[in-house]
Amino acid sequence: MLFWNGGLVRNQQTLAAAVTCSGIGLHSGQPAAMTLRPAPPNTGVVFVNRNGHAGASLPASIEYRVPTELCTAISGNGFQVKTIEHVLAALAGLEVDNVYIDVTAGEIPVMDGSAAPFVRLIRSVGVVAQNRKQPYLKIMAPMEVSEGSKRVRIEPSATSRISYSIHYDHPLIQTQTYVHDCTAASFERHIAEARTFGFLNEVQALWARGLGKGGTLDNTVVLSETGIMNESGLRFADEFVRHKILDLIGDFSLLGMSFIGHIVADRSGHALHTKLVQQILEQPDKWVLLNTETLPAEPRPALGLPRLQPAIVLQPS
């Protein structure tokens, strides 16, 4: 790999072989299985419906994002898949650009509530380079979205970085801030293990809205009024803000390509993350594409937005 003006320059990557996992959906509580398969260059990340249908596909693109509570979902081509942010974070965090994700249900298995099980699956088969350059979208001017006290901003930077702050009136959280430099090694070591979290006093309200039906102490950090209910404790003292970064990485992968810029988030969440992605694509005068090349004639389905040519959880918050 090379570096150009502080930004990473590399070839696209995919998996060396297919790998499968199964579990339950965090919100549906229903059985779910998922297979990650290698994909050709310029494919992007594409979900494939294997639930008794003829393999309809759906690119992981902001174009197909639909409003949902407490998770990220995409819908189109006759099916919907929810709670995609953790597996997308694992793929983006480990710089896996091209992959098919076969799904048998309308939700990704929650596993342990983090991206770590997906990271281990990917590492078990390995990541391989492909014979196409990976384009980068480099931010040249600031952009921001907000809603009350919640906001998320992206600004020019020589590298890819995320600074995230959260604020909860709970003795174990209060104010937490974490800065993540976006490399595969840092993601695997500092972000992937952070689990989704929720508050015990809100569980019944979630159930009444049809959410969190698969949430257990095995896949969610549950906070009581004064502490946590999980006997295993926290994986990091600031696990909560690290998980918010994990979510943002997954949500931001709906951009369809890697980015170079500094994301600064405060009290944000899935809706604002994806709103910023949409704003970026709608303001092409504020970014440039790097490491592009003339692409072959085959389509790049994960982009979903032709203007980007040539290469282009149980978590109340």
Protein backbone atom coordinates (compact mmCIF):
# COMPACT_ATOMS: atom_id res chain seq x y z
CA MET A 1 0.00 0.00 0.00
CA LEU A 2 1.08 3.55 -0.71
CA PHE A 3 0.28 6.92 0.78
CA TRP A 4 -0.58 10.02 -1.22
CA ASN A 5 -0.90 13.44 0.46
CA GLY A 6 -1.58 11.69 3.76
CA GLY A 7 -4.37 9.52 2.31
CA LEU A 8 -4.24 5.80 1.91
CA VAL A 9 -3.84 4.52 -1.66
CA ARG A 10 -4.54 0.83 -2.18
CA ASN A 11 -6.21 -1.70 -4.41
CA GLN A 12 -9.74 -2.91 -3.81
CA GLN A 13 -10.12 -5.99 -1.59
CA THR A 14 -12.48 -8.92 -1.15
CA LEU A 15 -12.65 -12.14 0.88
CA ALA A 16 -10.49 -15.15 0.07
CA ALA A 17 -13.46 -17.52 0.57
CA ALA A 18 -17.08 -17.61 1.73
CA VAL A 19 -17.97 -17.74 5.43
CA THR A 20 -21.30 -18.19 7.23
CA CYS A 21 -22.81 -17.37 10.61
CA SER A 22 -26.26 -17.61 12.17
CA GLY A 23 -28.13 -16.26 15.19
CA ILE A 24 -31.17 -14.13 15.91
CA GLY A 25 -32.21 -10.65 14.89
CA LEU A 26 -31.81 -8.03 17.61
CA HIS A 27 -35.17 -6.41 16.96
CA SER A 28 -37.22 -9.22 15.40
CA GLY A 29 -35.99 -11.98 17.72
CA GLN A 30 -36.26 -14.34 14.74
CA PRO A 31 -33.61 -16.80 13.46
CA ALA A 32 -31.26 -15.30 10.85
CA ALA A 33 -28.32 -16.63 8.86
CA MET A 34 -25.79 -14.75 6.77
CA THR A 35 -23.05 -15.74 4.32
CA LEU A 36 -20.28 -13.41 3.19
CA ARG A 37 -18.99 -14.29 -0.30
CA PRO A 38 -16.15 -12.90 -2.43
CA ALA A 39 -17.23 -10.46 -5.15
CA PRO A 40 -15.47 -9.11 -8.26
CA PRO A 41 -13.83 -5.69 -8.39
CA ASN A 42 -16.19 -2.70 -8.56
CA THR A 43 -19.07 -4.69 -7.05
CA GLY A 44 -19.20 -2.96 -3.68
CA VAL A 45 -21.23 -4.52 -0.87
CA VAL A 46 -24.42 -6.19 -2.11
CA PHE A 47 -27.06 -8.00 -0.06
CA VAL A 48 -28.65 -11.05 -1.72
CA ASN A 49 -32.03 -12.37 -0.61
CA ARG A 50 -31.89 -16.14 -0.03
CA ASN A 51 -35.24 -16.36 1.75
CA GLY A 52 -37.04 -18.54 -0.77
CA HIS A 53 -36.63 -16.04 -3.58
CA ALA A 54 -34.59 -16.05 -6.77
CA GLY A 55 -31.62 -14.24 -5.29
CA ALA A 56 -32.78 -10.62 -5.63
CA SER A 57 -29.92 -8.24 -4.84
CA LEU A 58 -29.80 -4.92 -2.99
CA PRO A 59 -26.70 -2.70 -2.89
CA ALA A 60 -25.57 -1.30 0.46
CA SER A 61 -26.14 2.25 -0.75
CA ILE A 62 -27.68 5.36 0.80
CA GLU A 63 -30.06 5.35 -2.15
CA TYR A 64 -31.90 2.41 -0.58
CA ARG A 65 -31.83 3.51 3.05
CA VAL A 66 -35.26 3.60 4.70
CA PRO A 67 -36.25 5.26 8.02
CA THR A 68 -36.16 2.87 10.99
CA GLU A 69 -35.85 3.15 14.75
CA LEU A 70 -32.60 2.24 16.55
CA CYS A 71 -30.92 0.59 13.55
CA THR A 72 -30.02 1.09 9.90
CA ALA A 73 -32.03 -0.59 7.14
CA ILE A 74 -32.17 -0.66 3.35
CA SER A 75 -35.08 -1.69 1.16
CA GLY A 76 -35.58 -2.32 -2.55
CA ASN A 77 -35.93 -4.96 -5.26
CA GLY A 78 -38.65 -6.70 -3.29
CA PHE A 79 -37.00 -7.09 0.11
CA GLN A 80 -35.69 -5.27 3.14
CA VAL A 81 -32.80 -5.99 5.48
CA LYS A 82 -32.41 -4.32 8.89
CA THR A 83 -29.67 -3.87 11.49
CA ILE A 84 -26.97 -3.89 8.83
CA GLU A 85 -24.64 -1.41 10.56
CA HIS A 86 -22.50 -3.89 12.51
CA VAL A 87 -21.57 -6.15 9.59
CA LEU A 88 -21.04 -3.10 7.37
CA ALA A 89 -18.75 -1.66 10.05
CA ALA A 90 -16.72 -4.88 10.13
CA LEU A 91 -16.30 -4.83 6.35
CA ALA A 92 -15.46 -1.12 6.17
CA GLY A 93 -13.24 -1.32 9.24
CA LEU A 94 -11.18 -4.14 7.72
CA GLU A 95 -11.18 -2.47 4.27
CA VAL A 96 -13.21 -5.17 2.50
CA ASP A 97 -14.66 -3.37 -0.51
CA ASN A 98 -16.38 -6.05 -2.59
CA VAL A 99 -18.59 -8.73 -1.05
CA TYR A 100 -21.95 -10.43 -1.47
CA ILE A 101 -23.95 -10.82 1.75
CA ASP A 102 -26.49 -13.64 1.45
CA VAL A 103 -29.32 -13.24 3.97
CA THR A 104 -32.14 -15.62 4.90
CA ALA A 105 -34.19 -13.17 6.95
CA GLY A 106 -35.04 -9.49 7.10
CA GLU A 107 -32.40 -8.77 9.74
CA ILE A 108 -28.70 -9.49 10.20
CA PRO A 109 -27.90 -11.83 13.14
CA VAL A 110 -26.92 -9.72 16.14
CA MET A 111 -24.28 -12.19 17.40
CA ASP A 112 -22.80 -10.60 20.57
CA GLY A 113 -23.98 -7.07 19.75
CA SER A 114 -20.62 -5.90 18.39
CA ALA A 115 -18.71 -6.23 15.11
CA ALA A 116 -16.13 -8.61 16.61
CA PRO A 117 -17.82 -11.89 15.52
CA PHE A 118 -17.91 -10.61 11.94
CA VAL A 119 -14.27 -9.53 12.18
CA ARG A 120 -13.33 -13.03 13.32
CA LEU A 121 -15.28 -14.54 10.40
CA ILE A 122 -13.46 -12.31 7.94
CA ARG A 123 -10.08 -13.02 9.49
CA SER A 124 -10.78 -16.79 9.41
CA VAL A 125 -10.76 -16.76 5.59
CA GLY A 126 -8.57 -13.72 4.94
CA VAL A 127 -8.72 -10.58 2.82
CA VAL A 128 -7.18 -10.50 -0.67
CA ALA A 129 -6.23 -7.60 -2.94
CA GLN A 130 -7.81 -7.21 -6.37
CA ASN A 131 -6.56 -5.69 -9.62
CA ARG A 132 -8.48 -2.41 -9.36
CA LYS A 133 -7.66 0.74 -7.43
CA GLN A 134 -9.89 1.71 -4.50
CA PRO A 135 -11.21 5.24 -5.03
CA TYR A 136 -11.32 7.71 -2.15
CA LEU A 137 -13.69 10.61 -1.65
CA LYS A 138 -11.63 13.43 -0.15
CA ILE A 139 -13.54 16.15 1.68
CA MET A 140 -12.50 19.66 0.59
CA ALA A 141 -15.03 21.80 2.52
CA PRO A 142 -16.97 21.28 5.77
CA MET A 143 -20.51 19.88 5.82
CA GLU A 144 -22.79 19.47 8.83
CA VAL A 145 -26.25 18.23 9.78
CA SER A 146 -27.95 18.79 13.12
CA GLU A 147 -31.14 18.23 15.05
CA GLY A 148 -31.42 20.18 18.28
CA SER A 149 -28.35 19.39 20.37
CA LYS A 150 -27.40 16.48 18.09
CA ARG A 151 -24.98 17.13 15.28
CA VAL A 152 -22.44 15.48 13.00
CA ARG A 153 -19.93 17.27 10.81
CA ILE A 154 -17.26 16.27 8.30
CA GLU A 155 -14.34 18.54 7.52
CA PRO A 156 -11.13 18.41 5.48
CA SER A 157 -8.29 16.30 6.87
CA ALA A 158 -5.15 14.60 5.59
CA THR A 159 -6.39 11.26 6.99
CA SER A 160 -9.64 9.48 7.89
CA ARG A 161 -10.57 10.21 11.51
CA ILE A 162 -13.68 10.13 13.72
CA SER A 163 -14.15 12.17 16.91
CA TYR A 164 -17.32 11.23 18.79
CA SER A 165 -18.89 12.58 21.99
CA ILE A 166 -21.95 11.23 23.83
CA HIS A 167 -23.82 12.57 26.85
CA TYR A 168 -26.16 10.47 29.01
CA ASP A 169 -27.48 11.17 32.50
CA HIS A 170 -26.20 7.84 33.84
CA PRO A 171 -23.36 7.33 36.33
CA LEU A 172 -21.50 4.91 34.03
CA ILE A 173 -21.65 7.16 30.98
CA GLN A 174 -22.07 10.89 31.64
CA THR A 175 -19.86 12.43 28.93
CA GLN A 176 -17.60 10.17 26.89
CA THR A 177 -15.37 11.23 23.98
CA TYR A 178 -13.21 9.06 21.78
CA VAL A 179 -11.02 9.77 18.74
CA HIS A 180 -10.56 6.96 16.23
CA ASP A 181 -7.98 6.98 13.45
CA CYS A 182 -9.52 4.88 10.70
CA THR A 183 -7.15 1.98 10.08
CA ALA A 184 -7.91 -1.73 10.02
CA ALA A 185 -5.61 -2.39 12.97
CA SER A 186 -7.18 0.34 15.10
CA PHE A 187 -10.71 -0.77 14.25
CA GLU A 188 -10.00 -4.38 15.14
CA ARG A 189 -8.25 -3.49 18.40
CA HIS A 190 -10.25 -0.55 19.72
CA ILE A 191 -13.72 -0.45 18.10
CA ALA A 192 -14.93 -3.86 16.89
CA GLU A 193 -15.50 -5.34 20.38
CA ALA A 194 -17.77 -2.52 21.57
CA ARG A 195 -21.34 -3.80 22.06
CA THR A 196 -24.72 -2.22 21.55
CA PHE A 197 -26.38 -0.92 24.69
CA GLY A 198 -29.79 -0.03 26.08
CA PHE A 199 -31.54 1.03 29.28
CA LEU A 200 -33.59 -1.36 31.40
CA ASN A 201 -36.27 1.22 32.10
CA GLU A 202 -36.94 1.52 28.35
CA VAL A 203 -37.13 -2.18 27.49
CA GLN A 204 -40.89 -2.56 27.86
CA ALA A 205 -41.50 0.52 25.73
CA LEU A 206 -39.26 -0.95 23.03
CA TRP A 207 -41.14 -4.25 23.10
CA ALA A 208 -44.43 -2.39 22.76
CA ARG A 209 -43.09 -0.85 19.53
CA GLY A 210 -41.96 -4.24 18.23
CA LEU A 211 -38.26 -3.54 18.87
CA GLY A 212 -35.52 -5.28 20.84
CA LYS A 213 -37.29 -8.65 20.91
CA GLY A 214 -33.98 -10.48 20.43
CA GLY A 215 -32.05 -8.43 22.97
CA THR A 216 -30.47 -10.38 25.83
CA LEU A 217 -27.55 -9.92 28.21
CA ASP A 218 -25.53 -12.01 25.74
CA ASN A 219 -25.83 -9.43 22.97
CA THR A 220 -26.61 -6.11 24.68
CA VAL A 221 -25.11 -4.09 27.50
CA VAL A 222 -28.15 -3.34 29.67
CA LEU A 223 -27.94 -0.41 32.06
CA SER A 224 -29.94 -0.29 35.28
CA GLU A 225 -30.39 2.99 37.14
CA THR A 226 -26.96 2.78 38.76
CA GLY A 227 -24.88 0.23 36.84
CA ILE A 228 -25.03 -2.57 34.27
CA MET A 229 -26.78 -5.92 34.54
CA ASN A 230 -24.19 -7.92 32.56
CA GLU A 231 -22.14 -10.07 34.94
CA SER A 232 -19.21 -9.99 32.51
CA GLY A 233 -18.92 -6.23 32.90
CA LEU A 234 -17.74 -3.77 30.26
CA ARG A 235 -15.10 -4.52 27.64
CA PHE A 236 -13.89 -0.90 27.77
CA ALA A 237 -14.61 1.77 30.34
CA ASP A 238 -15.86 3.91 27.44
CA GLU A 239 -17.49 1.04 25.51
CA PHE A 240 -20.60 3.16 24.90
CA VAL A 241 -18.95 5.86 22.80
CA ARG A 242 -16.82 3.29 21.00
CA HIS A 243 -19.97 1.49 19.93
CA LYS A 244 -21.38 4.76 18.60
CA ILE A 245 -18.25 5.05 16.44
CA LEU A 246 -18.80 1.46 15.28
CA ASP A 247 -22.34 2.39 14.23
CA LEU A 248 -21.11 5.49 12.41
CA ILE A 249 -18.52 3.49 10.46
CA GLY A 250 -21.23 1.07 9.34
CA ASP A 251 -23.66 3.85 8.45
CA PHE A 252 -21.00 5.81 6.59
CA SER A 253 -20.16 2.81 4.42
CA LEU A 254 -23.45 3.55 2.62
CA LEU A 255 -21.41 6.27 0.91
CA GLY A 256 -20.20 3.46 -1.35
CA MET A 257 -16.49 4.19 -1.10
CA SER A 258 -13.73 5.11 1.33
CA PHE A 259 -13.42 8.71 2.51
CA ILE A 260 -10.64 11.04 3.63
CA GLY A 261 -11.88 13.56 6.15
CA HIS A 262 -12.52 14.16 9.85
CA ILE A 263 -15.99 13.31 11.16
CA VAL A 264 -16.94 15.10 14.37
CA ALA A 265 -20.13 13.81 16.03
CA ASP A 266 -21.90 14.96 19.18
CA ARG A 267 -24.99 13.10 20.51
CA SER A 268 -25.58 11.81 17.00
CA GLY A 269 -27.17 8.57 15.79
CA HIS A 270 -28.12 6.51 12.74
CA ALA A 271 -30.52 9.08 11.26
CA LEU A 272 -28.01 11.94 11.34
CA HIS A 273 -25.14 9.71 10.21
CA THR A 274 -27.02 8.73 7.07
CA LYS A 275 -28.35 12.25 6.56
CA LEU A 276 -24.75 13.49 6.36
CA VAL A 277 -23.90 10.76 3.85
CA GLN A 278 -26.80 11.95 1.70
CA GLN A 279 -25.68 15.58 2.01
CA ILE A 280 -22.15 14.69 0.92
CA LEU A 281 -23.44 13.05 -2.26
CA GLU A 282 -25.68 16.03 -2.97
CA GLN A 283 -22.79 18.51 -2.73
CA PRO A 284 -20.09 17.29 -5.16
CA ASP A 285 -18.46 20.72 -5.16
CA LYS A 286 -17.18 19.98 -1.64
CA TRP A 287 -15.15 16.85 -2.42
CA VAL A 288 -12.87 15.30 -5.02
CA LEU A 289 -12.22 11.71 -6.02
CA LEU A 290 -8.72 10.28 -5.62
CA ASN A 291 -7.11 7.07 -6.82
CA THR A 292 -9.62 6.63 -9.64
CA GLU A 293 -8.99 4.85 -12.87
CA THR A 294 -10.87 4.04 -16.04
CA LEU A 295 -13.32 1.34 -15.08
CA PRO A 296 -14.41 -1.57 -17.25
CA ALA A 297 -17.91 -1.63 -18.71
CA GLU A 298 -19.48 -3.78 -15.98
CA PRO A 299 -21.78 -1.93 -13.55
CA ARG A 300 -20.81 -1.06 -10.00
CA PRO A 301 -24.12 -1.84 -8.28
CA ALA A 302 -23.17 -0.72 -4.77
CA LEU A 303 -22.76 2.90 -5.82
CA GLY A 304 -26.36 3.30 -6.88
CA LEU A 305 -25.77 7.00 -7.61
CA PRO A 306 -24.52 7.61 -11.16
CA ARG A 307 -23.26 11.10 -10.36
CA LEU A 308 -20.30 9.48 -8.57
CA GLN A 309 -18.72 8.37 -11.82
CA PRO A 310 -16.07 7.30 -12.68
CA ALA A 311 -15.68 5.11 -9.60
CA ILE A 312 -17.19 5.53 -7.93
CA VAL A 313 -29.54 -2.46 17.85
CA LEU A 314 -30.92 -1.84 20.91
CA GLN A 315 -29.39 1.55 21.40
CA PRO A 316 -31.59 4.42 22.42
CA SER A 317 -29.98 7.71 21.52
